[in-house]
Amino acid sequence: MATDDPTVQPAPEPASVRSPSPVSAPPVQATPGPRATALQQLYSDAVTHILKTCNYENFASCFPTPAREASQSLQQLHEEFTARLGASMRMNFDQIVEERNVVPSLNELDQLIEDAKRRKQKAMDVAAAEDKEVVQPMPPHTLPAQELYLSHLSPSLSQQSEALKQRQVALQGENAEVLQRVLQQRREIEALVQGLENVVQDINGSVTVLKPEEFDSIRNEARTVDEDMRMAD
């Protein structure tokens, strides 16, 4: 029995009626994964190597007089310079990594590679269970240049081909409409010509029926009417 009471909640639908939710992609971790960690470690090692190269001996060789007269001040300047240089290089690197969304992108790449490895292993296990030979896909770098650029152009070419097909169908429809209009106009012209031919036949029949004296009388009346009209003008 139906009720209008808003406090009464409808009964939940059976679980079998509800459609299953789509499987969503796994979330990308914000913390650095293996490749992001390796990139950060590589840059950190590069900065450390640069700072070691710019040691006090190399730095002092560029300023021989201050190194001889005020070595302690120059050494303090070197320490401040290398500390600021290292901090600036690391800060700029962190800023670029954040702006370019490097960590999530590398983490997503890690997930894709791990997923590909799992699917490859699963395919190998299934093939081994069914006693079938595992067909290894051809590496992309071994494909010929023509096949590579055609694979890149395939989506665009497919889209253009579909657009051309739709345009062709539209033109065929327009041509069919134009053809119908032309045929209709041709039928109207034929009807008009047939009507004129009937009128001409009626006139010819009337002339044939007229007697010579009646024809002369009509001619005289037409001449009289023409002279009267000229005089009126």
Protein backbone atom coordinates (compact mmCIF):
# COMPACT_ATOMS: atom_id res chain seq x y z
CA MET A 1 0.00 0.00 0.00
CA ALA A 2 1.45 3.38 -1.03
CA THR A 3 1.88 6.18 1.51
CA ASP A 4 2.72 9.91 1.22
CA ASP A 5 4.44 10.09 4.60
CA PRO A 6 7.99 11.44 3.95
CA THR A 7 9.26 9.80 7.13
CA VAL A 8 8.61 6.35 5.71
CA GLN A 9 11.65 5.20 3.80
CA PRO A 10 11.21 2.86 0.82
CA ALA A 11 12.43 -0.69 1.18
CA PRO A 12 15.95 -1.25 -0.17
CA GLU A 13 16.25 -2.92 -3.52
CA PRO A 14 17.51 -6.50 -3.64
CA ALA A 15 21.24 -6.84 -4.19
CA SER A 16 20.62 -8.73 -7.43
CA VAL A 17 18.80 -5.71 -8.96
CA ARG A 18 21.62 -3.23 -8.42
CA SER A 19 24.11 -2.87 -11.24
CA PRO A 20 27.73 -3.54 -10.31
CA SER A 21 29.94 -0.51 -9.81
CA PRO A 22 32.66 0.04 -12.43
CA VAL A 23 36.14 -0.99 -11.43
CA SER A 24 38.16 2.16 -10.77
CA ALA A 25 41.86 2.48 -11.39
CA PRO A 26 44.08 2.10 -8.33
CA PRO A 27 45.00 5.45 -6.76
CA VAL A 28 48.44 6.86 -7.50
CA GLN A 29 50.59 7.19 -4.39
CA ALA A 30 51.77 10.67 -3.48
CA THR A 31 54.89 9.34 -1.78
CA PRO A 32 57.87 8.71 -4.06
CA GLY A 33 57.95 5.22 -5.55
CA PRO A 34 61.01 3.32 -6.78
CA ARG A 35 61.66 5.47 -9.83
CA ALA A 36 60.88 8.77 -8.11
CA THR A 37 63.17 7.78 -5.23
CA ALA A 38 65.91 6.80 -7.67
CA LEU A 39 65.57 10.15 -9.46
CA GLN A 40 65.82 12.11 -6.23
CA GLN A 41 68.80 10.06 -5.11
CA LEU A 42 70.50 10.54 -8.48
CA TYR A 43 70.06 14.32 -8.30
CA SER A 44 71.23 14.41 -4.69
CA ASP A 45 74.38 12.47 -5.63
CA ALA A 46 74.98 14.85 -8.53
CA VAL A 47 74.67 17.90 -6.26
CA THR A 48 77.03 16.30 -3.72
CA HIS A 49 79.56 15.58 -6.46
CA ILE A 50 79.38 19.19 -7.70
CA LEU A 51 79.90 20.56 -4.20
CA LYS A 52 82.83 18.19 -3.62
CA THR A 53 84.37 19.39 -6.88
CA CYS A 54 84.02 22.96 -5.65
CA ASN A 55 86.16 22.27 -2.55
CA TYR A 56 88.14 24.86 -0.66
CA GLU A 57 91.39 24.22 -2.55
CA ASN A 58 89.74 24.81 -5.94
CA PHE A 59 87.80 27.76 -4.56
CA ALA A 60 90.90 29.35 -3.00
CA SER A 61 92.86 28.95 -6.22
CA CYS A 62 90.48 31.45 -7.81
CA PHE A 63 91.27 34.03 -5.09
CA PRO A 64 94.99 33.70 -4.35
CA THR A 65 95.43 37.01 -2.52
CA PRO A 66 92.48 36.61 -0.08
CA ALA A 67 93.51 32.98 0.43
CA ARG A 68 96.98 34.13 1.47
CA GLU A 69 96.01 37.19 3.49
CA ALA A 70 92.64 36.13 5.02
CA SER A 71 92.36 32.40 4.68
CA GLN A 72 89.98 32.02 7.62
CA SER A 73 87.49 34.55 6.17
CA LEU A 74 87.76 32.98 2.72
CA GLN A 75 87.16 29.53 4.20
CA GLN A 76 84.06 30.80 5.97
CA LEU A 77 82.88 32.40 2.71
CA HIS A 78 83.45 29.08 0.93
CA GLU A 79 81.33 27.21 3.47
CA GLU A 80 78.48 29.72 3.18
CA PHE A 81 78.71 29.72 -0.63
CA THR A 82 78.58 25.93 -0.98
CA ALA A 83 75.76 25.67 1.58
CA ARG A 84 73.67 28.25 -0.25
CA LEU A 85 74.50 26.74 -3.65
CA GLY A 86 73.45 23.26 -2.53
CA ALA A 87 70.25 24.53 -0.89
CA SER A 88 69.35 26.57 -3.99
CA MET A 89 69.95 23.62 -6.34
CA ARG A 90 67.86 21.28 -4.22
CA MET A 91 65.08 23.86 -3.79
CA ASN A 92 64.91 24.50 -7.55
CA PHE A 93 64.82 20.75 -8.21
CA ASP A 94 62.01 20.20 -5.69
CA GLN A 95 60.06 23.07 -7.23
CA ILE A 96 60.40 21.64 -10.74
CA VAL A 97 59.40 18.18 -9.52
CA GLU A 98 56.28 19.61 -7.90
CA GLU A 99 55.30 21.85 -10.83
CA ARG A 100 55.78 19.08 -13.40
CA ASN A 101 53.94 16.50 -11.29
CA VAL A 102 56.96 14.20 -11.56
CA VAL A 103 56.38 11.97 -8.53
CA PRO A 104 52.77 10.94 -9.37
CA SER A 105 53.76 10.41 -13.01
CA LEU A 106 56.67 8.15 -12.10
CA ASN A 107 54.48 6.31 -9.60
CA GLU A 108 51.88 5.75 -12.31
CA LEU A 109 54.64 4.43 -14.56
CA ASP A 110 55.67 2.04 -11.79
CA GLN A 111 52.08 0.81 -11.55
CA LEU A 112 51.83 0.30 -15.31
CA ILE A 113 55.07 -1.68 -15.38
CA GLU A 114 54.03 -3.82 -12.42
CA ASP A 115 50.64 -4.45 -14.01
CA ALA A 116 52.32 -5.43 -17.29
CA LYS A 117 54.61 -7.82 -15.41
CA ARG A 118 51.63 -9.40 -13.63
CA ARG A 119 49.68 -9.82 -16.85
CA LYS A 120 52.73 -11.30 -18.58
CA GLN A 121 53.30 -13.76 -15.75
CA LYS A 122 49.60 -14.66 -15.73
CA ALA A 123 49.68 -15.32 -19.49
CA MET A 124 52.77 -17.48 -19.07
CA ASP A 125 51.13 -19.45 -16.25
CA VAL A 126 47.97 -20.01 -18.28
CA ALA A 127 49.99 -21.09 -21.31
CA ALA A 128 52.06 -23.44 -19.19
CA ALA A 129 48.92 -24.93 -17.64
CA GLU A 130 47.39 -25.49 -21.08
CA ASP A 131 50.71 -26.71 -22.52
CA LYS A 132 50.80 -23.91 -25.09
CA GLU A 133 53.67 -21.86 -26.41
CA VAL A 134 53.91 -18.32 -25.09
CA VAL A 135 54.12 -15.84 -27.98
CA GLN A 136 56.25 -12.90 -26.98
CA PRO A 137 55.08 -9.57 -28.42
CA MET A 138 57.42 -7.78 -30.76
CA PRO A 139 59.31 -4.94 -29.02
CA PRO A 140 58.21 -1.56 -30.40
CA HIS A 141 61.79 -0.45 -31.12
CA THR A 142 62.20 -3.36 -33.55
CA LEU A 143 59.16 -2.40 -35.65
CA PRO A 144 59.76 -0.76 -39.05
CA ALA A 145 59.34 3.00 -39.32
CA GLN A 146 56.30 2.73 -41.61
CA GLU A 147 54.38 0.57 -39.14
CA LEU A 148 55.26 2.89 -36.27
CA TYR A 149 54.08 6.11 -37.87
CA LEU A 150 50.98 4.38 -39.28
CA SER A 151 50.10 3.20 -35.78
CA HIS A 152 50.38 6.81 -34.57
CA LEU A 153 48.33 8.10 -37.50
CA SER A 154 45.70 5.36 -37.26
CA PRO A 155 43.40 7.17 -34.76
CA SER A 156 43.48 10.38 -36.78
CA LEU A 157 42.96 8.55 -40.07
CA SER A 158 40.07 6.57 -38.60
CA GLN A 159 38.44 9.78 -37.39
CA GLN A 160 38.86 11.45 -40.79
CA SER A 161 37.53 8.35 -42.56
CA GLU A 162 34.44 8.32 -40.35
CA ALA A 163 33.89 12.03 -41.01
CA LEU A 164 34.19 11.45 -44.77
CA LYS A 165 31.69 8.58 -44.60
CA GLN A 166 29.20 10.75 -42.74
CA ARG A 167 29.70 13.54 -45.28
CA GLN A 168 29.21 11.08 -48.13
CA VAL A 169 25.94 9.84 -46.61
CA ALA A 170 24.76 13.44 -46.19
CA LEU A 171 25.66 14.26 -49.82
CA GLN A 172 23.83 11.17 -51.03
CA GLY A 173 20.73 12.31 -49.16
CA GLU A 174 21.02 15.82 -50.62
CA ASN A 175 21.49 14.38 -54.14
CA ALA A 176 18.39 12.23 -53.69
CA GLU A 177 16.37 15.31 -52.70
CA VAL A 178 17.68 17.29 -55.67
CA LEU A 179 16.84 14.39 -58.00
CA GLN A 180 13.28 14.26 -56.67
CA ARG A 181 12.87 18.01 -57.23
CA VAL A 182 14.22 17.73 -60.78
CA LEU A 183 11.87 14.84 -61.57
CA GLN A 184 8.93 16.79 -60.11
CA GLN A 185 9.80 19.86 -62.21
CA ARG A 186 10.15 17.65 -65.28
CA ARG A 187 6.69 16.19 -64.67
CA GLU A 188 5.25 19.70 -64.27
CA ILE A 189 6.91 20.82 -67.53
CA GLU A 190 5.54 17.77 -69.34
CA ALA A 191 2.07 18.53 -67.99
CA LEU A 192 2.32 22.17 -69.18
CA VAL A 193 3.52 21.09 -72.62
CA GLN A 194 0.71 18.57 -72.85
CA GLY A 195 -1.77 21.28 -71.88
CA LEU A 196 -0.39 23.62 -74.57
CA GLU A 197 -0.59 20.86 -77.14
CA ASN A 198 -4.22 20.27 -76.20
CA VAL A 199 -4.95 24.00 -76.56
CA VAL A 200 -3.23 24.07 -79.96
CA GLN A 201 -5.23 21.03 -81.04
CA ASP A 202 -8.45 22.70 -79.89
CA ILE A 203 -7.56 25.87 -81.81
CA ASN A 204 -6.69 23.88 -84.91
CA GLY A 205 -9.97 21.98 -84.59
CA SER A 206 -11.89 25.23 -84.22
CA VAL A 207 -10.22 26.72 -87.29
CA THR A 208 -10.99 23.60 -89.27
CA VAL A 209 -14.66 23.73 -88.27
CA LEU A 210 -15.04 27.39 -89.23
CA LYS A 211 -16.48 28.11 -92.67
CA PRO A 212 -14.58 30.44 -95.02
CA GLU A 213 -17.17 33.19 -94.76
CA GLU A 214 -17.13 32.95 -90.94
CA PHE A 215 -13.36 33.13 -90.95
CA ASP A 216 -13.51 36.29 -93.12
CA SER A 217 -16.08 37.80 -90.75
CA ILE A 218 -13.87 37.15 -87.74
CA ARG A 219 -10.92 38.65 -89.58
CA ASN A 220 -12.88 41.81 -90.38
CA GLU A 221 -14.07 42.13 -86.79
CA ALA A 222 -10.47 41.81 -85.53
CA ARG A 223 -9.33 44.45 -88.03
CA THR A 224 -12.14 46.77 -86.94
CA VAL A 225 -11.30 46.34 -83.28
CA ASP A 226 -7.65 47.05 -84.01
CA GLU A 227 -8.49 50.27 -85.91
CA ASP A 228 -10.82 51.43 -83.11
CA MET A 229 -8.07 50.89 -80.56
CA ARG A 230 -5.60 52.89 -82.62
CA MET A 231 -8.06 55.75 -83.01
CA ALA A 232 -8.70 55.72 -79.27
CA ASP A 233 -4.97 56.08 -78.63
